[in-house]
PDB file of all heavy atoms in Angstrom:
ATOM      1  N   TYR A   1     205.525 191.418 167.852  1.00  0.00           N
ATOM      2  CA  TYR A   1     205.669 192.678 167.191  1.00  0.00           C
ATOM      3  C   TYR A   1     204.248 193.203 166.724  1.00  0.00           C
ATOM      4  O   TYR A   1     203.912 194.346 166.969  1.00  0.00           O
ATOM      5  CB  TYR A   1     206.524 192.540 165.962  1.00  0.00           C
ATOM      6  CG  TYR A   1     206.578 193.670 165.023  1.00  0.00           C
ATOM      7  CD1 TYR A   1     207.313 194.884 165.315  1.00  0.00           C
ATOM      8  CD2 TYR A   1     205.894 193.622 163.830  1.00  0.00           C
ATOM      9  CE1 TYR A   1     207.322 195.920 164.434  1.00  0.00           C
ATOM     10  CE2 TYR A   1     205.863 194.719 162.962  1.00  0.00           C
ATOM     11  CZ  TYR A   1     206.600 195.878 163.211  1.00  0.00           C
ATOM     12  OH  TYR A   1     206.540 196.940 162.403  1.00  0.00           O
ATOM     13  N   TYR A   2     203.426 192.379 166.198  1.00  0.00           N
ATOM     14  CA  TYR A   2     202.145 192.821 165.637  1.00  0.00           C
ATOM     15  C   TYR A   2     201.073 192.901 166.671  1.00  0.00           C
ATOM     16  O   TYR A   2     200.016 193.504 166.376  1.00  0.00           O
ATOM     17  CB  TYR A   2     201.728 191.761 164.511  1.00  0.00           C
ATOM     18  CG  TYR A   2     202.471 192.021 163.250  1.00  0.00           C
ATOM     19  CD1 TYR A   2     203.428 190.978 162.861  1.00  0.00           C
ATOM     20  CD2 TYR A   2     202.291 193.076 162.457  1.00  0.00           C
ATOM     21  CE1 TYR A   2     204.195 191.205 161.700  1.00  0.00           C
ATOM     22  CE2 TYR A   2     203.018 193.184 161.273  1.00  0.00           C
ATOM     23  CZ  TYR A   2     203.927 192.320 160.919  1.00  0.00           C
ATOM     24  OH  TYR A   2     204.649 192.467 159.711  1.00  0.00           O
ATOM     25  N   THR A   3     201.274 192.404 167.876  1.00  0.00           N
ATOM     26  CA  THR A   3     200.396 192.647 169.006  1.00  0.00           C
ATOM     27  C   THR A   3     200.892 193.603 170.008  1.00  0.00           C
ATOM     28  O   THR A   3     200.233 193.838 171.089  1.00  0.00           O
ATOM     29  CB  THR A   3     200.044 191.284 169.681  1.00  0.00           C
ATOM     30  OG1 THR A   3     201.182 190.756 170.200  1.00  0.00           O
ATOM     31  CG2 THR A   3     199.295 190.357 168.704  1.00  0.00           C
ATOM     32  N   SER A   4     202.079 194.257 169.815  1.00  0.00           N
ATOM     33  CA  SER A   4     202.673 195.047 170.739  1.00  0.00           C
ATOM     34  C   SER A   4     201.758 196.310 171.079  1.00  0.00           C
ATOM     35  O   SER A   4     200.908 196.734 170.310  1.00  0.00           O
ATOM     36  CB  SER A   4     204.049 195.632 170.255  1.00  0.00           C
ATOM     37  OG  SER A   4     203.863 196.427 169.079  1.00  0.00           O
ATOM     38  N   LYS A   5     202.019 196.964 172.203  1.00  0.00           N
ATOM     39  CA  LYS A   5     201.312 198.109 172.586  1.00  0.00           C
ATOM     40  C   LYS A   5     201.514 199.225 171.630  1.00  0.00           C
ATOM     41  O   LYS A   5     200.623 200.041 171.295  1.00  0.00           O
ATOM     42  CB  LYS A   5     201.700 198.616 174.046  1.00  0.00           C
ATOM     43  CG  LYS A   5     200.781 199.723 174.598  1.00  0.00           C
ATOM     44  CD  LYS A   5     201.162 200.011 175.988  1.00  0.00           C
ATOM     45  CE  LYS A   5     200.288 201.139 176.530  1.00  0.00           C
ATOM     46  NZ  LYS A   5     200.605 201.418 177.959  1.00  0.00           N
ATOM     47  N   GLU A   6     202.764 199.384 171.077  1.00  0.00           N
ATOM     48  CA  GLU A   6     202.960 200.394 170.102  1.00  0.00           C
ATOM     49  C   GLU A   6     202.227 200.131 168.815  1.00  0.00           C
ATOM     50  O   GLU A   6     201.589 201.072 168.243  1.00  0.00           O
ATOM     51  CB  GLU A   6     204.518 200.406 169.716  1.00  0.00           C
ATOM     52  CG  GLU A   6     204.915 201.367 168.677  1.00  0.00           C
ATOM     53  CD  GLU A   6     206.409 201.345 168.300  1.00  0.00           C
ATOM     54  OE1 GLU A   6     207.069 200.512 168.863  1.00  0.00           O
ATOM     55  OE2 GLU A   6     206.797 202.220 167.477  1.00  0.00           O
ATOM     56  N   MET A   7     202.149 198.923 168.360  1.00  0.00           N
ATOM     57  CA  MET A   7     201.321 198.611 167.192  1.00  0.00           C
ATOM     58  C   MET A   7     199.894 198.850 167.412  1.00  0.00           C
ATOM     59  O   MET A   7     199.166 199.462 166.629  1.00  0.00           O
ATOM     60  CB  MET A   7     201.586 197.166 166.764  1.00  0.00           C
ATOM     61  CG  MET A   7     200.819 196.699 165.494  1.00  0.00           C
ATOM     62  SD  MET A   7     201.501 197.638 164.080  1.00  0.00           S
ATOM     63  CE  MET A   7     203.051 196.865 163.879  1.00  0.00           C
ATOM     64  N   ARG A   8     199.395 198.484 168.596  1.00  0.00           N
ATOM     65  CA  ARG A   8     197.917 198.718 168.905  1.00  0.00           C
ATOM     66  C   ARG A   8     197.644 200.186 168.983  1.00  0.00           C
ATOM     67  O   ARG A   8     196.574 200.613 168.539  1.00  0.00           O
ATOM     68  CB  ARG A   8     197.600 197.946 170.262  1.00  0.00           C
ATOM     69  CG  ARG A   8     197.261 196.489 170.047  1.00  0.00           C
ATOM     70  CD  ARG A   8     197.001 195.824 171.326  1.00  0.00           C
ATOM     71  NE  ARG A   8     198.188 195.583 172.143  1.00  0.00           N
ATOM     72  CZ  ARG A   8     198.274 195.700 173.452  1.00  0.00           C
ATOM     73  NH1 ARG A   8     197.346 196.083 174.157  1.00  0.00           N
ATOM     74  NH2 ARG A   8     199.468 195.328 174.037  1.00  0.00           N
ATOM     75  N   THR A   9     198.561 200.988 169.474  1.00  0.00           N
ATOM     76  CA  THR A   9     198.367 202.471 169.558  1.00  0.00           C
ATOM     77  C   THR A   9     198.115 202.966 168.080  1.00  0.00           C
ATOM     78  O   THR A   9     197.266 203.762 167.889  1.00  0.00           O
ATOM     79  CB  THR A   9     199.583 203.114 170.209  1.00  0.00           C
ATOM     80  OG1 THR A   9     199.685 202.625 171.531  1.00  0.00           O
ATOM     81  CG2 THR A   9     199.355 204.633 170.247  1.00  0.00           C
ATOM     82  N   ARG A  10     199.058 202.561 167.185  1.00  0.00           N
ATOM     83  CA  ARG A  10     198.955 203.026 165.817  1.00  0.00           C
ATOM     84  C   ARG A  10     197.667 202.490 165.187  1.00  0.00           C
ATOM     85  O   ARG A  10     196.913 203.328 164.511  1.00  0.00           O
ATOM     86  CB  ARG A  10     200.142 202.533 165.008  1.00  0.00           C
ATOM     87  CG  ARG A  10     201.433 203.074 165.433  1.00  0.00           C
ATOM     88  CD  ARG A  10     202.596 202.547 164.529  1.00  0.00           C
ATOM     89  NE  ARG A  10     203.980 202.973 164.887  1.00  0.00           N
ATOM     90  CZ  ARG A  10     205.018 202.629 164.229  1.00  0.00           C
ATOM     91  NH1 ARG A  10     204.916 201.796 163.289  1.00  0.00           N
ATOM     92  NH2 ARG A  10     206.210 203.081 164.592  1.00  0.00           N
ATOM     93  N   VAL A  11     197.378 201.272 165.402  1.00  0.00           N
ATOM     94  CA  VAL A  11     196.079 200.743 164.748  1.00  0.00           C
ATOM     95  C   VAL A  11     194.826 201.440 165.266  1.00  0.00           C
ATOM     96  O   VAL A  11     193.959 201.784 164.521  1.00  0.00           O
ATOM     97  CB  VAL A  11     196.026 199.185 165.041  1.00  0.00           C
ATOM     98  CG1 VAL A  11     194.668 198.633 164.764  1.00  0.00           C
ATOM     99  CG2 VAL A  11     197.182 198.445 164.299  1.00  0.00           C
ATOM    100  N   TYR A  12     194.773 201.609 166.512  1.00  0.00           N
ATOM    101  CA  TYR A  12     193.594 202.256 167.160  1.00  0.00           C
ATOM    102  C   TYR A  12     193.485 203.688 166.684  1.00  0.00           C
ATOM    103  O   TYR A  12     192.406 204.186 166.189  1.00  0.00           O
ATOM    104  CB  TYR A  12     193.645 202.193 168.649  1.00  0.00           C
ATOM    105  CG  TYR A  12     192.347 202.578 169.303  1.00  0.00           C
ATOM    106  CD1 TYR A  12     191.504 201.578 169.775  1.00  0.00           C
ATOM    107  CD2 TYR A  12     192.034 203.867 169.666  1.00  0.00           C
ATOM    108  CE1 TYR A  12     190.281 201.906 170.401  1.00  0.00           C
ATOM    109  CE2 TYR A  12     190.845 204.160 170.279  1.00  0.00           C
ATOM    110  CZ  TYR A  12     190.005 203.191 170.657  1.00  0.00           C
ATOM    111  OH  TYR A  12     188.797 203.553 171.244  1.00  0.00           O
ATOM    112  N   ASP A  13     194.554 204.407 166.689  1.00  0.00           N
ATOM    113  CA  ASP A  13     194.501 205.793 166.337  1.00  0.00           C
ATOM    114  C   ASP A  13     194.229 206.033 164.786  1.00  0.00           C
ATOM    115  O   ASP A  13     193.565 206.938 164.398  1.00  0.00           O
ATOM    116  CB  ASP A  13     195.859 206.500 166.689  1.00  0.00           C
ATOM    117  CG  ASP A  13     196.066 206.612 168.137  1.00  0.00           C
ATOM    118  OD1 ASP A  13     195.046 206.383 168.870  1.00  0.00           O
ATOM    119  OD2 ASP A  13     197.174 206.992 168.660  1.00  0.00           O
ATOM    120  N   GLU A  14     194.833 205.135 164.019  1.00  0.00           N
ATOM    121  CA  GLU A  14     194.513 205.190 162.571  1.00  0.00           C
ATOM    122  C   GLU A  14     193.033 204.961 162.296  1.00  0.00           C
ATOM    123  O   GLU A  14     192.404 205.585 161.454  1.00  0.00           O
ATOM    124  CB  GLU A  14     195.419 204.274 161.774  1.00  0.00           C
ATOM    125  CG  GLU A  14     196.818 204.684 161.597  1.00  0.00           C
ATOM    126  CD  GLU A  14     196.997 205.943 160.755  1.00  0.00           C
ATOM    127  OE1 GLU A  14     196.143 206.196 159.916  1.00  0.00           O
ATOM    128  OE2 GLU A  14     197.981 206.689 161.022  1.00  0.00           O
ATOM    129  N   PHE A  15     192.479 203.933 162.960  1.00  0.00           N
ATOM    130  CA  PHE A  15     191.077 203.569 162.745  1.00  0.00           C
ATOM    131  C   PHE A  15     190.163 204.745 163.143  1.00  0.00           C
ATOM    132  O   PHE A  15     189.291 205.083 162.378  1.00  0.00           O
ATOM    133  CB  PHE A  15     190.766 202.319 163.553  1.00  0.00           C
ATOM    134  CG  PHE A  15     189.402 201.776 163.273  1.00  0.00           C
ATOM    135  CD1 PHE A  15     188.925 201.392 162.054  1.00  0.00           C
ATOM    136  CD2 PHE A  15     188.535 201.725 164.386  1.00  0.00           C
ATOM    137  CE1 PHE A  15     187.621 200.908 161.897  1.00  0.00           C
ATOM    138  CE2 PHE A  15     187.204 201.210 164.241  1.00  0.00           C
ATOM    139  CZ  PHE A  15     186.745 200.807 163.039  1.00  0.00           C
ATOM    140  N   THR A  16     190.338 205.215 164.239  1.00  0.00           N
ATOM    141  CA  THR A  16     189.519 206.407 164.756  1.00  0.00           C
ATOM    142  C   THR A  16     189.776 207.642 163.912  1.00  0.00           C
ATOM    143  O   THR A  16     188.808 208.384 163.654  1.00  0.00           O
ATOM    144  CB  THR A  16     189.701 206.651 166.165  1.00  0.00           C
ATOM    145  OG1 THR A  16     191.158 206.861 166.444  1.00  0.00           O
ATOM    146  CG2 THR A  16     189.292 205.465 167.043  1.00  0.00           C
ATOM    147  N   ALA A  17     190.974 207.902 163.497  1.00  0.00           N
ATOM    148  CA  ALA A  17     191.206 209.084 162.640  1.00  0.00           C
ATOM    149  C   ALA A  17     190.508 209.041 161.292  1.00  0.00           C
ATOM    150  O   ALA A  17     190.131 210.101 160.769  1.00  0.00           O
ATOM    151  CB  ALA A  17     192.732 209.191 162.384  1.00  0.00           C
ATOM    152  N   LYS A  18     190.173 207.839 160.864  1.00  0.00           N
ATOM    153  CA  LYS A  18     189.441 207.652 159.583  1.00  0.00           C
ATOM    154  C   LYS A  18     187.952 207.605 159.879  1.00  0.00           C
ATOM    155  O   LYS A  18     187.205 207.252 158.895  1.00  0.00           O
ATOM    156  CB  LYS A  18     189.962 206.412 158.832  1.00  0.00           C
ATOM    157  CG  LYS A  18     191.399 206.500 158.419  1.00  0.00           C
ATOM    158  CD  LYS A  18     191.902 205.285 157.838  1.00  0.00           C
ATOM    159  CE  LYS A  18     193.339 205.331 157.349  1.00  0.00           C
ATOM    160  NZ  LYS A  18     193.900 204.023 156.902  1.00  0.00           N
ATOM    161  N   GLY A  19     187.565 207.822 161.040  1.00  0.00           N
ATOM    162  CA  GLY A  19     186.148 207.879 161.378  1.00  0.00           C
ATOM    163  C   GLY A  19     185.569 206.570 161.905  1.00  0.00           C
ATOM    164  O   GLY A  19     184.358 206.334 162.136  1.00  0.00           O
ATOM    165  N   GLY A  20     186.427 205.547 162.185  1.00  0.00           N
ATOM    166  CA  GLY A  20     186.013 204.265 162.770  1.00  0.00           C
ATOM    167  C   GLY A  20     185.587 204.471 164.159  1.00  0.00           C
ATOM    168  O   GLY A  20     186.192 205.326 164.946  1.00  0.00           O
ATOM    169  N   LYS A  21     184.682 203.691 164.594  1.00  0.00           N
ATOM    170  CA  LYS A  21     184.179 203.742 166.002  1.00  0.00           C
ATOM    171  C   LYS A  21     184.249 202.381 166.649  1.00  0.00           C
ATOM    172  O   LYS A  21     183.414 201.529 166.586  1.00  0.00           O
ATOM    173  CB  LYS A  21     182.681 204.203 165.892  1.00  0.00           C
ATOM    174  CG  LYS A  21     182.499 205.558 165.315  1.00  0.00           C
ATOM    175  CD  LYS A  21     181.013 205.947 165.306  1.00  0.00           C
ATOM    176  CE  LYS A  21     180.842 207.353 164.758  1.00  0.00           C
ATOM    177  NZ  LYS A  21     179.391 207.857 164.750  1.00  0.00           N
ATOM    178  N   PRO A  22     185.394 202.153 167.384  1.00  0.00           N
ATOM    179  CA  PRO A  22     185.600 200.950 168.097  1.00  0.00           C
ATOM    180  C   PRO A  22     184.552 200.814 169.164  1.00  0.00           C
ATOM    181  O   PRO A  22     183.962 201.770 169.715  1.00  0.00           O
ATOM    182  CB  PRO A  22     187.005 201.020 168.672  1.00  0.00           C
ATOM    183  CG  PRO A  22     187.631 202.180 167.895  1.00  0.00           C
ATOM    184  CD  PRO A  22     186.521 203.108 167.524  1.00  0.00           C
ATOM    185  N   CYS A  23     184.339 199.594 169.641  1.00  0.00           N
ATOM    186  CA  CYS A  23     183.402 199.336 170.776  1.00  0.00           C
ATOM    187  C   CYS A  23     184.218 199.074 172.062  1.00  0.00           C
ATOM    188  O   CYS A  23     183.738 198.365 172.957  1.00  0.00           O
ATOM    189  CB  CYS A  23     182.579 198.083 170.453  1.00  0.00           C
ATOM    190  SG  CYS A  23     181.429 198.344 168.977  1.00  0.00           S
ATOM    191  N   ILE A  24     185.349 199.695 172.094  1.00  0.00           N
ATOM    192  CA  ILE A  24     186.269 199.571 173.226  1.00  0.00           C
ATOM    193  C   ILE A  24     187.080 200.882 173.405  1.00  0.00           C
ATOM    194  O   ILE A  24     187.449 201.514 172.426  1.00  0.00           O
ATOM    195  CB  ILE A  24     187.213 198.382 173.068  1.00  0.00           C
ATOM    196  CG1 ILE A  24     188.096 198.187 174.295  1.00  0.00           C
ATOM    197  CG2 ILE A  24     188.076 198.421 171.800  1.00  0.00           C
ATOM    198  CD1 ILE A  24     188.979 196.896 174.340  1.00  0.00           C
ATOM    199  N   ASP A  25     187.143 201.342 174.632  1.00  0.00           N
ATOM    200  CA  ASP A  25     187.922 202.467 174.942  1.00  0.00           C
ATOM    201  C   ASP A  25     189.436 202.326 174.532  1.00  0.00           C
ATOM    202  O   ASP A  25     189.989 201.180 174.588  1.00  0.00           O
ATOM    203  CB  ASP A  25     187.828 202.936 176.353  1.00  0.00           C
ATOM    204  CG  ASP A  25     186.466 203.403 176.740  1.00  0.00           C
ATOM    205  OD1 ASP A  25     185.685 203.795 175.819  1.00  0.00           O
ATOM    206  OD2 ASP A  25     186.140 203.321 177.951  1.00  0.00           O
ATOM    207  N   ARG A  26     190.104 203.360 174.215  1.00  0.00           N
ATOM    208  CA  ARG A  26     191.469 203.328 173.816  1.00  0.00           C
ATOM    209  C   ARG A  26     192.327 202.727 174.953  1.00  0.00           C
ATOM    210  O   ARG A  26     193.161 201.869 174.741  1.00  0.00           O
ATOM    211  CB  ARG A  26     192.005 204.758 173.430  1.00  0.00           C
ATOM    212  CG  ARG A  26     193.381 204.805 172.826  1.00  0.00           C
ATOM    213  CD  ARG A  26     193.725 206.255 172.474  1.00  0.00           C
ATOM    214  NE  ARG A  26     194.999 206.347 171.751  1.00  0.00           N
ATOM    215  CZ  ARG A  26     196.218 206.562 172.307  1.00  0.00           C
ATOM    216  NH1 ARG A  26     196.200 206.614 173.671  1.00  0.00           N
ATOM    217  NH2 ARG A  26     197.289 206.645 171.574  1.00  0.00           N
ATOM    218  N   ALA A  27     192.085 203.228 176.189  1.00  0.00           N
ATOM    219  CA  ALA A  27     192.912 202.725 177.322  1.00  0.00           C
ATOM    220  C   ALA A  27     192.739 201.204 177.509  1.00  0.00           C
ATOM    221  O   ALA A  27     193.699 200.462 177.795  1.00  0.00           O
ATOM    222  CB  ALA A  27     192.576 203.477 178.561  1.00  0.00           C
ATOM    223  N   ASP A  28     191.468 200.767 177.351  1.00  0.00           N
ATOM    224  CA  ASP A  28     191.279 199.247 177.504  1.00  0.00           C
ATOM    225  C   ASP A  28     191.865 198.493 176.398  1.00  0.00           C
ATOM    226  O   ASP A  28     192.355 197.422 176.566  1.00  0.00           O
ATOM    227  CB  ASP A  28     189.697 199.051 177.541  1.00  0.00           C
ATOM    228  CG  ASP A  28     189.113 199.562 178.869  1.00  0.00           C
ATOM    229  OD1 ASP A  28     189.858 199.748 179.835  1.00  0.00           O
ATOM    230  OD2 ASP A  28     187.859 199.897 178.756  1.00  0.00           O
ATOM    231  N   TYR A  29     191.855 199.104 175.188  1.00  0.00           N
ATOM    232  CA  TYR A  29     192.430 198.397 174.061  1.00  0.00           C
ATOM    233  C   TYR A  29     193.944 198.252 174.210  1.00  0.00           C
ATOM    234  O   TYR A  29     194.532 197.183 173.882  1.00  0.00           O
ATOM    235  CB  TYR A  29     192.148 199.143 172.754  1.00  0.00           C
ATOM    236  CG  TYR A  29     192.498 198.556 171.455  1.00  0.00           C
ATOM    237  CD1 TYR A  29     191.728 197.478 170.977  1.00  0.00           C
ATOM    238  CD2 TYR A  29     193.547 198.970 170.719  1.00  0.00           C
ATOM    239  CE1 TYR A  29     192.057 196.893 169.735  1.00  0.00           C
ATOM    240  CE2 TYR A  29     193.879 198.366 169.483  1.00  0.00           C
ATOM    241  CZ  TYR A  29     193.087 197.263 169.091  1.00  0.00           C
ATOM    242  OH  TYR A  29     193.402 196.685 167.823  1.00  0.00           O
ATOM    243  N   LEU A  30     194.594 199.258 174.746  1.00  0.00           N
ATOM    244  CA  LEU A  30     196.005 199.216 174.900  1.00  0.00           C
ATOM    245  C   LEU A  30     196.473 198.351 176.143  1.00  0.00           C
ATOM    246  O   LEU A  30     197.566 197.987 176.275  1.00  0.00           O
ATOM    247  CB  LEU A  30     196.590 200.617 175.096  1.00  0.00           C
ATOM    248  CG  LEU A  30     196.386 201.592 173.933  1.00  0.00           C
ATOM    249  CD1 LEU A  30     197.039 202.964 174.153  1.00  0.00           C
ATOM    250  CD2 LEU A  30     196.867 200.889 172.601  1.00  0.00           C
ATOM    251  N   ALA A  31     195.450 198.095 177.048  1.00  0.00           N
ATOM    252  CA  ALA A  31     195.755 197.290 178.192  1.00  0.00           C
ATOM    253  C   ALA A  31     195.512 195.800 177.956  1.00  0.00           C
ATOM    254  O   ALA A  31     195.730 194.994 178.884  1.00  0.00           O
ATOM    255  CB  ALA A  31     194.846 197.805 179.360  1.00  0.00           C
ATOM    256  N   LYS A  32     195.080 195.384 176.806  1.00  0.00           N
ATOM    257  CA  LYS A  32     194.768 193.950 176.540  1.00  0.00           C
ATOM    258  C   LYS A  32     196.001 193.119 176.730  1.00  0.00           C
ATOM    259  O   LYS A  32     197.129 193.503 176.526  1.00  0.00           O
ATOM    260  CB  LYS A  32     194.311 193.810 175.149  1.00  0.00           C
ATOM    261  CG  LYS A  32     192.828 194.260 174.890  1.00  0.00           C
ATOM    262  CD  LYS A  32     192.366 193.861 173.522  1.00  0.00           C
ATOM    263  CE  LYS A  32     190.894 194.148 173.364  1.00  0.00           C
ATOM    264  NZ  LYS A  32     190.396 193.498 172.091  1.00  0.00           N
TER     265      LYS A  32
END
């Protein structure tokens, strides 16, 4: 549940919406 693609989508989008800058593209993050 906590590593699901849906959860990762929310986590990534919330982080970037708050100005966070991941070192990985969204598509690659969701494909892990």
